[in-house]
C-alpha atoms as a PDB file:
ATOM      1  CA  MET A   1     115.487 114.486 102.770  1.00  0.00           C
ATOM      2  CA  SER A   2     114.964 110.438 102.490  1.00  0.00           C
ATOM      3  CA  ARG A   3     114.047 110.129 106.395  1.00  0.00           C
ATOM      4  CA  GLU A   4     111.223 112.361 106.112  1.00  0.00           C
ATOM      5  CA  VAL A   5     109.993 111.149 103.008  1.00  0.00           C
ATOM      6  CA  HIS A   6     109.832 107.770 104.413  1.00  0.00           C
ATOM      7  CA  VAL A   7     108.066 108.971 107.288  1.00  0.00           C
ATOM      8  CA  ARG A   8     105.503 110.829 105.172  1.00  0.00           C
ATOM      9  CA  PHE A   9     105.249 107.527 102.715  1.00  0.00           C
ATOM     10  CA  CYS A  10     104.517 105.019 105.333  1.00  0.00           C
ATOM     11  CA  GLU A  11     103.432 106.774 108.543  1.00  0.00           C
ATOM     12  CA  ARG A  12     101.306 109.717 107.899  1.00  0.00           C
ATOM     13  CA  ALA A  13     100.031 108.118 104.610  1.00  0.00           C
ATOM     14  CA  GLY A  14      98.690 105.283 106.459  1.00  0.00           C
ATOM     15  CA  VAL A  15     100.904 102.703 104.042  1.00  0.00           C
ATOM     16  CA  ARG A  16      99.857  99.220 105.041  1.00  0.00           C
ATOM     17  CA  SER A  17     100.578  97.093 101.854  1.00  0.00           C
ATOM     18  CA  PRO A  18     103.388  98.675  99.918  1.00  0.00           C
ATOM     19  CA  ARG A  19     105.428  97.281  96.805  1.00  0.00           C
ATOM     20  CA  ALA A  20     108.987  97.144  96.515  1.00  0.00           C
ATOM     21  CA  THR A  21     111.535  96.598  93.906  1.00  0.00           C
ATOM     22  CA  ARG A  22     114.805  97.474  93.154  1.00  0.00           C
ATOM     23  CA  PRO A  23     116.550  97.365  89.269  1.00  0.00           C
ATOM     24  CA  PRO A  24     119.989  98.160  88.772  1.00  0.00           C
ATOM     25  CA  VAL A  25     121.597 101.402  87.387  1.00  0.00           C
ATOM     26  CA  PRO A  26     125.143 101.670  85.934  1.00  0.00           C
ATOM     27  CA  VAL A  27     126.972 104.509  87.587  1.00  0.00           C
ATOM     28  CA  LEU A  28     130.475 105.788  86.661  1.00  0.00           C
ATOM     29  CA  ASP A  29     133.245 104.626  88.958  1.00  0.00           C
ATOM     30  CA  PRO A  30     136.326 106.806  88.505  1.00  0.00           C
ATOM     31  CA  GLY A  31     139.816 105.054  88.575  1.00  0.00           C
ATOM     32  CA  ARG A  32     138.502 102.084  87.169  1.00  0.00           C
ATOM     33  CA  GLY A  33     137.678 102.787  83.881  1.00  0.00           C
ATOM     34  CA  ARG A  34     134.200 101.092  84.067  1.00  0.00           C
ATOM     35  CA  THR A  35     130.927 101.516  85.423  1.00  0.00           C
ATOM     36  CA  LYS A  36     129.683  99.897  89.042  1.00  0.00           C
ATOM     37  CA  THR A  37     126.211  98.645  89.777  1.00  0.00           C
ATOM     38  CA  GLY A  38     124.195 100.884  91.771  1.00  0.00           C
ATOM     39  CA  ARG A  39     120.445 100.197  93.127  1.00  0.00           C
ATOM     40  CA  LEU A  40     117.305 102.451  92.503  1.00  0.00           C
ATOM     41  CA  TRP A  41     115.091 101.145  95.181  1.00  0.00           C
ATOM     42  CA  VAL A  42     111.798 101.702  94.229  1.00  0.00           C
ATOM     43  CA  LEU A  43     108.783 101.819  96.931  1.00  0.00           C
ATOM     44  CA  VAL A  44     105.335 101.876  95.436  1.00  0.00           C
ATOM     45  CA  ARG A  45     101.724 102.592  97.347  1.00  0.00           C
ATOM     46  CA  ASP A  46      98.937 102.099  95.289  1.00  0.00           C
ATOM     47  CA  GLY A  47      95.088 101.532  96.522  1.00  0.00           C
ATOM     48  CA  ARG A  48      93.259 102.084  93.486  1.00  0.00           C
ATOM     49  CA  PRO A  49      92.715  98.499  93.117  1.00  0.00           C
ATOM     50  CA  TRP A  50      90.233  97.850  96.106  1.00  0.00           C
ATOM     51  CA  GLY A  51      89.093 101.595  96.047  1.00  0.00           C
ATOM     52  CA  SER A  52      91.526 103.122  98.193  1.00  0.00           C
ATOM     53  CA  ALA A  53      90.688 107.276  98.845  1.00  0.00           C
ATOM     54  CA  ALA A  54      94.815 107.586  99.520  1.00  0.00           C
ATOM     55  CA  PRO A  55      96.386 108.737  96.396  1.00  0.00           C
ATOM     56  CA  PRO A  56      99.243 106.615  94.690  1.00  0.00           C
ATOM     57  CA  ALA A  57     102.670 107.519  94.550  1.00  0.00           C
ATOM     58  CA  ALA A  58     106.453 106.266  94.442  1.00  0.00           C
ATOM     59  CA  PHE A  59     109.555 106.931  96.043  1.00  0.00           C
ATOM     60  CA  HIS A  60     112.950 105.956  94.320  1.00  0.00           C
ATOM     61  CA  LEU A  61     116.023 105.617  97.043  1.00  0.00           C
ATOM     62  CA  TYR A  62     119.499 105.409  95.219  1.00  0.00           C
ATOM     63  CA  SER A  63     122.403 102.738  96.983  1.00  0.00           C
ATOM     64  CA  PRO A  64     125.574 102.296  95.766  1.00  0.00           C
ATOM     65  CA  ASP A  65     125.327  98.537  96.008  1.00  0.00           C
ATOM     66  CA  ARG A  66     122.549  96.022  96.736  1.00  0.00           C
ATOM     67  CA  LYS A  67     122.995  95.131 100.733  1.00  0.00           C
ATOM     68  CA  GLY A  68     119.993  94.047 102.902  1.00  0.00           C
ATOM     69  CA  GLU A  69     120.679  96.971 104.885  1.00  0.00           C
ATOM     70  CA  HIS A  70     119.044  99.137 102.569  1.00  0.00           C
ATOM     71  CA  ALA A  71     116.014  97.461 102.729  1.00  0.00           C
ATOM     72  CA  GLU A  72     116.144  98.534 106.108  1.00  0.00           C
ATOM     73  CA  GLU A  73     116.390 102.207 105.416  1.00  0.00           C
ATOM     74  CA  LEU A  74     113.733 102.195 102.529  1.00  0.00           C
ATOM     75  CA  LEU A  75     110.950 100.049 104.499  1.00  0.00           C
ATOM     76  CA  GLY A  76     111.934 100.079 108.535  1.00  0.00           C
ATOM     77  CA  GLY A  77     109.083 102.572 109.256  1.00  0.00           C
ATOM     78  CA  CYS A  78     106.452 100.658 107.346  1.00  0.00           C
ATOM     79  CA  ARG A  79     104.297  98.464 109.049  1.00  0.00           C
ATOM     80  CA  GLY A  80     101.817  96.109 107.609  1.00  0.00           C
ATOM     81  CA  PHE A  81     102.238  93.975 104.405  1.00  0.00           C
ATOM     82  CA  LEU A  82     105.077  94.030 101.798  1.00  0.00           C
ATOM     83  CA  HIS A  83     104.570  93.264  98.055  1.00  0.00           C
ATOM     84  CA  ALA A  84     108.175  91.925  96.806  1.00  0.00           C
ATOM     85  CA  ASP A  85     109.968  89.386  95.077  1.00  0.00           C
ATOM     86  CA  GLY A  86     112.169  86.720  96.614  1.00  0.00           C
ATOM     87  CA  TYR A  87     114.952  89.285  97.692  1.00  0.00           C
ATOM     88  CA  ALA A  88     116.791  88.163 100.398  1.00  0.00           C
ATOM     89  CA  GLY A  89     117.621  91.310 102.202  1.00  0.00           C
ATOM     90  CA  PHE A  90     114.016  91.404 102.843  1.00  0.00           C
ATOM     91  CA  GLY A  91     114.434  88.904 105.224  1.00  0.00           C
ATOM     92  CA  GLY A  92     115.113  90.894 108.395  1.00  0.00           C
ATOM     93  CA  LEU A  93     111.682  93.052 107.773  1.00  0.00           C
ATOM     94  CA  TYR A  94     109.144  89.463 107.851  1.00  0.00           C
ATOM     95  CA  ALA A  95     111.523  87.999 111.180  1.00  0.00           C
ATOM     96  CA  PRO A  96     109.371  88.409 114.564  1.00  0.00           C
ATOM     97  CA  GLU A  97     110.427  91.656 116.561  1.00  0.00           C
ATOM     98  CA  PRO A  98     112.149  90.711 119.888  1.00  0.00           C
ATOM     99  CA  GLY A  99     109.686  93.316 121.800  1.00  0.00           C
ATOM    100  CA  THR A 100     106.765  92.247 120.436  1.00  0.00           C
ATOM    101  CA  GLY A 101     106.986  88.675 118.507  1.00  0.00           C
ATOM    102  CA  THR A 102     105.743  89.725 115.590  1.00  0.00           C
ATOM    103  CA  ALA A 103     106.809  90.919 111.974  1.00  0.00           C
ATOM    104  CA  ARG A 104     107.231  94.236 111.041  1.00  0.00           C
ATOM    105  CA  LEU A 105     106.020  93.511 107.465  1.00  0.00           C
ATOM    106  CA  ALA A 106     103.998  90.310 106.140  1.00  0.00           C
ATOM    107  CA  GLU A 107     105.631  89.068 103.095  1.00  0.00           C
ATOM    108  CA  VAL A 108     103.056  89.181 100.286  1.00  0.00           C
ATOM    109  CA  ALA A 109     104.957  86.924  97.116  1.00  0.00           C
ATOM    110  CA  CYS A 110     104.350  88.144  93.139  1.00  0.00           C
ATOM    111  CA  TRP A 111     102.693  85.755  91.166  1.00  0.00           C
ATOM    112  CA  SER A 112     103.932  87.424  88.110  1.00  0.00           C
ATOM    113  CA  HIS A 113     107.510  86.725  89.414  1.00  0.00           C
ATOM    114  CA  ALA A 114     106.189  82.660  90.094  1.00  0.00           C
ATOM    115  CA  ARG A 115     104.856  82.710  86.731  1.00  0.00           C
ATOM    116  CA  ARG A 116     107.985  83.226  85.172  1.00  0.00           C
ATOM    117  CA  GLY A 117     110.258  80.422  85.312  1.00  0.00           C
ATOM    118  CA  LEU A 118     107.174  78.428  84.213  1.00  0.00           C
ATOM    119  CA  TYR A 119     106.699  80.452  81.125  1.00  0.00           C
ATOM    120  CA  GLU A 120     110.582  80.486  80.190  1.00  0.00           C
ATOM    121  CA  VAL A 121     110.220  76.611  80.428  1.00  0.00           C
ATOM    122  CA  HIS A 122     107.472  76.295  78.731  1.00  0.00           C
ATOM    123  CA  LEU A 123     108.870  78.759  75.551  1.00  0.00           C
ATOM    124  CA  ALA A 124     111.989  76.676  75.839  1.00  0.00           C
ATOM    125  CA  THR A 125     110.617  73.091  75.907  1.00  0.00           C
ATOM    126  CA  ALA A 126     106.990  73.507  75.043  1.00  0.00           C
ATOM    127  CA  SER A 127     106.299  71.392  78.779  1.00  0.00           C
ATOM    128  CA  PRO A 128     102.944  70.264  79.405  1.00  0.00           C
ATOM    129  CA  ILE A 129     103.513  70.607  82.869  1.00  0.00           C
ATOM    130  CA  ALA A 130     104.374  73.769  82.382  1.00  0.00           C
ATOM    131  CA  LYS A 131     101.662  75.161  80.140  1.00  0.00           C
ATOM    132  CA  GLU A 132      98.718  73.677  82.659  1.00  0.00           C
ATOM    133  CA  ALA A 133     100.386  75.552  85.476  1.00  0.00           C
ATOM    134  CA  LEU A 134     100.442  78.884  83.590  1.00  0.00           C
ATOM    135  CA  GLU A 135      97.064  78.183  82.568  1.00  0.00           C
ATOM    136  CA  ARG A 136      95.816  77.380  85.911  1.00  0.00           C
ATOM    137  CA  ILE A 137      97.634  80.543  86.946  1.00  0.00           C
ATOM    138  CA  ALA A 138      96.002  82.189  84.073  1.00  0.00           C
ATOM    139  CA  ASP A 139      92.653  81.690  85.958  1.00  0.00           C
ATOM    140  CA  LEU A 140      93.704  83.517  89.100  1.00  0.00           C
ATOM    141  CA  PHE A 141      94.882  86.216  87.470  1.00  0.00           C
ATOM    142  CA  ALA A 142      91.525  86.357  85.375  1.00  0.00           C
ATOM    143  CA  ILE A 143      89.559  86.930  88.695  1.00  0.00           C
ATOM    144  CA  GLU A 144      91.924  89.327  90.124  1.00  0.00           C
ATOM    145  CA  ARG A 145      90.648  91.349  86.478  1.00  0.00           C
ATOM    146  CA  GLU A 146      86.900  91.194  87.179  1.00  0.00           C
ATOM    147  CA  LEU A 147      87.401  92.108  90.897  1.00  0.00           C
ATOM    148  CA  ARG A 148      89.821  95.266  90.157  1.00  0.00           C
ATOM    149  CA  GLY A 149      88.482  98.627  91.757  1.00  0.00           C
ATOM    150  CA  ARG A 150      86.020  96.818  94.197  1.00  0.00           C
ATOM    151  CA  GLU A 151      85.933  97.285  98.120  1.00  0.00           C
ATOM    152  CA  PRO A 152      88.158  94.969 100.043  1.00  0.00           C
ATOM    153  CA  GLU A 153      84.980  93.098 101.653  1.00  0.00           C
ATOM    154  CA  ALA A 154      83.803  92.056  98.341  1.00  0.00           C
ATOM    155  CA  ARG A 155      87.359  91.295  96.948  1.00  0.00           C
ATOM    156  CA  ILE A 156      88.006  88.551  99.788  1.00  0.00           C
ATOM    157  CA  GLU A 157      84.702  87.184  99.845  1.00  0.00           C
ATOM    158  CA  ALA A 158      85.168  86.575  96.156  1.00  0.00           C
ATOM    159  CA  ARG A 159      88.299  85.112  96.228  1.00  0.00           C
ATOM    160  CA  ARG A 160      87.587  82.919  99.363  1.00  0.00           C
ATOM    161  CA  GLU A 161      85.312  80.947  97.508  1.00  0.00           C
ATOM    162  CA  ARG A 162      86.551  81.451  93.749  1.00  0.00           C
ATOM    163  CA  SER A 163      90.401  81.633  94.014  1.00  0.00           C
ATOM    164  CA  LEU A 164      90.768  79.067  96.804  1.00  0.00           C
ATOM    165  CA  PRO A 165      89.634  76.195  95.268  1.00  0.00           C
ATOM    166  CA  LEU A 166      91.837  77.054  92.335  1.00  0.00           C
ATOM    167  CA  LEU A 167      95.176  77.512  94.619  1.00  0.00           C
ATOM    168  CA  GLU A 168      94.337  74.152  96.386  1.00  0.00           C
ATOM    169  CA  GLY A 169      94.285  72.303  92.871  1.00  0.00           C
ATOM    170  CA  LEU A 170      97.669  74.106  91.746  1.00  0.00           C
ATOM    171  CA  ARG A 171      99.201  73.208  95.120  1.00  0.00           C
ATOM    172  CA  ALA A 172      98.474  69.510  94.235  1.00  0.00           C
ATOM    173  CA  PHE A 173      99.305  70.079  90.766  1.00  0.00           C
ATOM    174  CA  LEU A 174     102.504  71.204  91.468  1.00  0.00           C
ATOM    175  CA  ASP A 175     103.467  68.747  94.042  1.00  0.00           C
ATOM    176  CA  ALA A 176     102.375  66.040  92.140  1.00  0.00           C
ATOM    177  CA  SER A 177     104.514  66.987  89.115  1.00  0.00           C
ATOM    178  CA  LEU A 178     107.853  68.049  91.173  1.00  0.00           C
ATOM    179  CA  ALA A 179     107.735  63.994  91.642  1.00  0.00           C
ATOM    180  CA  ARG A 180     107.501  63.479  88.253  1.00  0.00           C
ATOM    181  CA  VAL A 181     110.753  65.947  86.933  1.00  0.00           C
ATOM    182  CA  SER A 182     114.049  65.587  87.244  1.00  0.00           C
ATOM    183  CA  GLY A 183     114.568  67.377  90.844  1.00  0.00           C
ATOM    184  CA  LYS A 184     117.854  69.319  88.872  1.00  0.00           C
ATOM    185  CA  GLY A 185     115.930  70.614  86.081  1.00  0.00           C
ATOM    186  CA  SER A 186     114.353  74.470  85.521  1.00  0.00           C
ATOM    187  CA  LEU A 187     111.021  73.246  85.654  1.00  0.00           C
ATOM    188  CA  ALA A 188     111.999  71.543  88.952  1.00  0.00           C
ATOM    189  CA  ARG A 189     113.373  75.075  90.160  1.00  0.00           C
ATOM    190  CA  ALA A 190     110.759  76.767  88.448  1.00  0.00           C
ATOM    191  CA  ILE A 191     108.126  74.597  90.733  1.00  0.00           C
ATOM    192  CA  ARG A 192     110.176  74.722  93.667  1.00  0.00           C
ATOM    193  CA  TYR A 193     110.310  78.768  93.815  1.00  0.00           C
ATOM    194  CA  ALA A 194     106.396  78.650  94.006  1.00  0.00           C
ATOM    195  CA  LEU A 195     106.047  76.011  96.925  1.00  0.00           C
ATOM    196  CA  THR A 196     108.756  77.445  98.953  1.00  0.00           C
ATOM    197  CA  ARG A 197     106.499  80.511  98.374  1.00  0.00           C
ATOM    198  CA  TRP A 198     103.258  79.116  98.910  1.00  0.00           C
ATOM    199  CA  GLU A 199     102.314  80.811 102.342  1.00  0.00           C
ATOM    200  CA  ALA A 200     103.212  84.270 100.943  1.00  0.00           C
ATOM    201  CA  LEU A 201     101.916  83.737  97.412  1.00  0.00           C
ATOM    202  CA  THR A 202      98.530  82.843  98.612  1.00  0.00           C
ATOM    203  CA  ARG A 203      98.195  85.628 101.345  1.00  0.00           C
ATOM    204  CA  PHE A 204      96.485  87.760  99.335  1.00  0.00           C
ATOM    205  CA  THR A 205      93.298  85.420  99.843  1.00  0.00           C
ATOM    206  CA  THR A 206      93.485  86.664 103.411  1.00  0.00           C
ATOM    207  CA  ASP A 207      93.097  90.579 102.564  1.00  0.00           C
ATOM    208  CA  GLY A 208      91.052  92.400 100.164  1.00  0.00           C
ATOM    209  CA  ARG A 209      93.372  95.498 100.231  1.00  0.00           C
ATOM    210  CA  LEU A 210      96.339  92.732  98.708  1.00  0.00           C
ATOM    211  CA  GLU A 211      96.941  92.029  95.291  1.00  0.00           C
ATOM    212  CA  MET A 212      98.127  89.045  93.896  1.00  0.00           C
ATOM    213  CA  SER A 213     101.546  90.395  91.804  1.00  0.00           C
ATOM    214  CA  ASN A 214     104.202  93.006  92.545  1.00  0.00           C
ATOM    215  CA  ASN A 215     103.272  94.867  88.900  1.00  0.00           C
ATOM    216  CA  ALA A 216     102.492  98.318  90.423  1.00  0.00           C
ATOM    217  CA  ALA A 217     106.488  98.450  91.274  1.00  0.00           C
ATOM    218  CA  GLU A 218     107.134  96.759  88.271  1.00  0.00           C
ATOM    219  CA  ARG A 219     105.314  99.731  86.179  1.00  0.00           C
ATOM    220  CA  ALA A 220     107.163 102.257  88.068  1.00  0.00           C
ATOM    221  CA  ILE A 221     110.618 100.851  86.966  1.00  0.00           C
ATOM    222  CA  ARG A 222     109.824 100.890  83.079  1.00  0.00           C
ATOM    223  CA  PRO A 223     110.712 104.473  82.628  1.00  0.00           C
ATOM    224  CA  LEU A 224     114.157 103.356  84.062  1.00  0.00           C
ATOM    225  CA  ALA A 225     114.702 100.978  81.276  1.00  0.00           C
ATOM    226  CA  LEU A 226     114.175 103.737  78.814  1.00  0.00           C
ATOM    227  CA  GLY A 227     116.035 106.139  80.417  1.00  0.00           C
ATOM    228  CA  ARG A 228     119.294 104.314  80.872  1.00  0.00           C
ATOM    229  CA  LYS A 229     118.908 103.990  76.849  1.00  0.00           C
ATOM    230  CA  ASN A 230     119.275 107.906  77.028  1.00  0.00           C
ATOM    231  CA  TYR A 231     121.801 108.573  79.773  1.00  0.00           C
ATOM    232  CA  LEU A 232     123.507 104.903  79.858  1.00  0.00           C
ATOM    233  CA  PHE A 233     124.861 105.866  83.270  1.00  0.00           C
ATOM    234  CA  ALA A 234     124.823 108.079  85.859  1.00  0.00           C
ATOM    235  CA  GLY A 235     127.458 110.016  86.538  1.00  0.00           C
ATOM    236  CA  SER A 236     128.324 109.214  90.625  1.00  0.00           C
ATOM    237  CA  ASP A 237     126.576 108.370  93.414  1.00  0.00           C
ATOM    238  CA  ALA A 238     125.159 111.770  93.897  1.00  0.00           C
ATOM    239  CA  GLY A 239     124.147 111.765  90.733  1.00  0.00           C
ATOM    240  CA  GLY A 240     122.148 108.747  91.322  1.00  0.00           C
ATOM    241  CA  ARG A 241     120.695 110.020  94.602  1.00  0.00           C
ATOM    242  CA  ARG A 242     119.273 113.345  92.590  1.00  0.00           C
ATOM    243  CA  ALA A 243     118.251 110.656  89.841  1.00  0.00           C
ATOM    244  CA  ALA A 244     116.058 109.255  92.117  1.00  0.00           C
ATOM    245  CA  ALA A 245     114.644 112.397  93.366  1.00  0.00           C
ATOM    246  CA  VAL A 246     113.635 113.260  89.874  1.00  0.00           C
ATOM    247  CA  TYR A 247     112.001 109.536  89.352  1.00  0.00           C
ATOM    248  CA  THR A 248     110.200 110.251  92.671  1.00  0.00           C
ATOM    249  CA  ILE A 249     108.748 113.133  91.584  1.00  0.00           C
ATOM    250  CA  VAL A 250     107.959 111.906  87.541  1.00  0.00           C
ATOM    251  CA  GLU A 251     106.449 108.664  88.488  1.00  0.00           C
ATOM    252  CA  THR A 252     104.044 110.102  91.539  1.00  0.00           C
ATOM    253  CA  ALA A 253     102.983 113.085  89.183  1.00  0.00           C
ATOM    254  CA  LYS A 254     102.181 110.514  86.762  1.00  0.00           C
ATOM    255  CA  MET A 255     100.287 108.037  88.874  1.00  0.00           C
ATOM    256  CA  ASN A 256      97.956 111.338  89.949  1.00  0.00           C
ATOM    257  CA  GLY A 257      97.495 111.836  86.287  1.00  0.00           C
ATOM    258  CA  LEU A 258      99.195 114.962  85.882  1.00  0.00           C
ATOM    259  CA  ASP A 259     101.623 116.319  83.153  1.00  0.00           C
ATOM    260  CA  PRO A 260     104.597 115.833  84.812  1.00  0.00           C
ATOM    261  CA  GLU A 261     105.879 118.916  82.300  1.00  0.00           C
ATOM    262  CA  ALA A 262     103.570 121.545  83.880  1.00  0.00           C
ATOM    263  CA  TYR A 263     103.658 120.263  86.865  1.00  0.00           C
ATOM    264  CA  LEU A 264     107.089 120.403  87.692  1.00  0.00           C
ATOM    265  CA  ALA A 265     107.519 124.030  85.669  1.00  0.00           C
ATOM    266  CA  ASP A 266     105.013 125.853  87.767  1.00  0.00           C
ATOM    267  CA  VAL A 267     106.262 124.052  90.844  1.00  0.00           C
ATOM    268  CA  LEU A 268     109.865 125.072  90.103  1.00  0.00           C
ATOM    269  CA  GLY A 269     108.195 128.811  89.309  1.00  0.00           C
ATOM    270  CA  ARG A 270     106.542 129.120  92.665  1.00  0.00           C
ATOM    271  CA  ILE A 271     108.358 127.334  95.252  1.00  0.00           C
ATOM    272  CA  ALA A 272     110.975 129.827  96.284  1.00  0.00           C
ATOM    273  CA  ASP A 273     108.008 132.038  97.616  1.00  0.00           C
ATOM    274  CA  HIS A 274     105.699 129.120  98.749  1.00  0.00           C
ATOM    275  CA  PRO A 275     105.612 129.212 102.463  1.00  0.00           C
ATOM    276  CA  ALA A 276     107.699 126.350 103.731  1.00  0.00           C
ATOM    277  CA  ASN A 277     104.885 125.673 106.223  1.00  0.00           C
ATOM    278  CA  ARG A 278     102.448 124.819 103.312  1.00  0.00           C
ATOM    279  CA  ILE A 279     104.568 122.339 100.947  1.00  0.00           C
ATOM    280  CA  ASP A 280     102.152 119.739 101.110  1.00  0.00           C
ATOM    281  CA  GLU A 281      99.837 122.046  98.881  1.00  0.00           C
ATOM    282  CA  LEU A 282     102.478 121.258  96.202  1.00  0.00           C
ATOM    283  CA  LEU A 283     102.574 117.525  96.441  1.00  0.00           C
ATOM    284  CA  PRO A 284     101.437 116.174  92.991  1.00  0.00           C
ATOM    285  CA  TRP A 285      97.856 115.073  94.828  1.00  0.00           C
ATOM    286  CA  ASN A 286      97.530 118.165  96.165  1.00  0.00           C
ATOM    287  CA  TRP A 287      98.874 120.522  93.821  1.00  0.00           C
ATOM    288  CA  ARG A 288      96.698 123.049  91.873  1.00  0.00           C
ATOM    289  CA  ALA A 289      97.890 125.359  88.938  1.00  0.00           C
ATOM    290  CA  PRO A 290      96.985 129.148  89.594  1.00  0.00           C
ATOM    291  CA  GLY A 291      93.516 129.439  88.938  1.00  0.00           C
ATOM    292  CA  GLY A 292      92.608 126.375  91.013  1.00  0.00           C
ATOM    293  CA  SER A 293      92.670 124.107  87.575  1.00  0.00           C
ATOM    294  CA  ARG A 294      94.679 120.874  87.329  1.00  0.00           C
ATOM    295  CA  PRO A 295      96.533 120.888  83.559  1.00  0.00           C
ATOM    296  CA  ALA A 296      95.670 117.848  81.384  1.00  0.00           C
ATOM    297  CA  SER A 297      97.709 114.699  81.299  1.00  0.00           C
ATOM    298  CA  ALA A 298      99.542 114.001  77.995  1.00  0.00           C
ATOM    299  CA  PRO A 299      97.153 111.401  77.422  1.00  0.00           C
ATOM    300  CA  GLU A 300      94.462 113.715  77.513  1.00  0.00           C
ATOM    301  CA  ARG A 301      95.831 116.570  75.414  1.00  0.00           C
ATOM    302  CA  ARG A 302      96.047 113.872  72.801  1.00  0.00           C
ATOM    303  CA  GLY A 303      92.538 112.983  72.952  1.00  0.00           C
ATOM    304  CA  VAL A 304      92.942 110.017  74.996  1.00  0.00           C
ATOM    305  CA  ARG A 305      90.837 109.753  78.155  1.00  0.00           C
ATOM    306  CA  ALA A 306      93.382 108.983  80.840  1.00  0.00           C
ATOM    307  CA  THR A 307      92.620 106.052  83.098  1.00  0.00           C
ATOM    308  CA  PRO A 308      94.964 104.020  85.689  1.00  0.00           C
ATOM    309  CA  ALA A 309      96.989 101.363  84.340  1.00  0.00           C
ATOM    310  CA  PRO A 310      94.986  98.273  83.711  1.00  0.00           C
ATOM    311  CA  HIS A 311      95.624  95.049  86.271  1.00  0.00           C
ATOM    312  CA  PRO A 312      98.304  93.336  84.210  1.00  0.00           C
ATOM    313  CA  SER A 313      97.328  89.901  82.523  1.00  0.00           C
ATOM    314  CA  THR A 314      99.197  87.245  82.305  1.00  0.00           C
END
């Protein structure tokens, strides 16, 4: 199933800027008396911030370890950009291909990850350097909140006019600050994390479809953290694969404004008699309940207007 889903997700859906992350999941390891650490790789497409008509979706892939070969399995069919953290296993996807000399995916680094180390330093030491860096990054996020939902052309124009000068000032500030602090300290490590990824961190200023952070993927894994508190662990690698399939369906339904319970109840009740060559009709973004309606989402049933998730602040 996973190969077909990859093709649909990356090629037929026209994905140009997927987001990826890989949270851990405890898995029973028979014979050892404890659990091992599996991974649920999460791939998200969400073009709503730049007005894309493509429906949002989340795809989860389970693996028994975190080897880079799973990044190839997950993203090898994708072309364009990849929003992700600095995980080394993605490196092969950014490398030029021998036949073409160009990379399959251009790295788009995440400012939420870049600011995390600075935030931890400021929290622990009240460092004025970390505080000023965080304030400068916050100014960039504020611009992005204003640009949410605007067309790519308008976003890129605003970024060139407003964000690039701020980025140039931030780069100069980080360079100067690094020369003033201990090279072995946590503040220096946090600064180097940003400086060594600067090209990827600023790539969002080159294309209006790109985002400043990978928070879309981070939001998609929040239910996993809650789930681990409830079920504690997966019973086996097969259980991990089934969990990945369920998370894929449920999270994609939620992203498309559906009540996952109503959606699953209807689809499971009719899928046995549904023509296999019309299976796309049951995908969350195409699905209609009998009578042609789409049931209200859980927030709407509670009288709360359902809206896309806001752009995360700093």
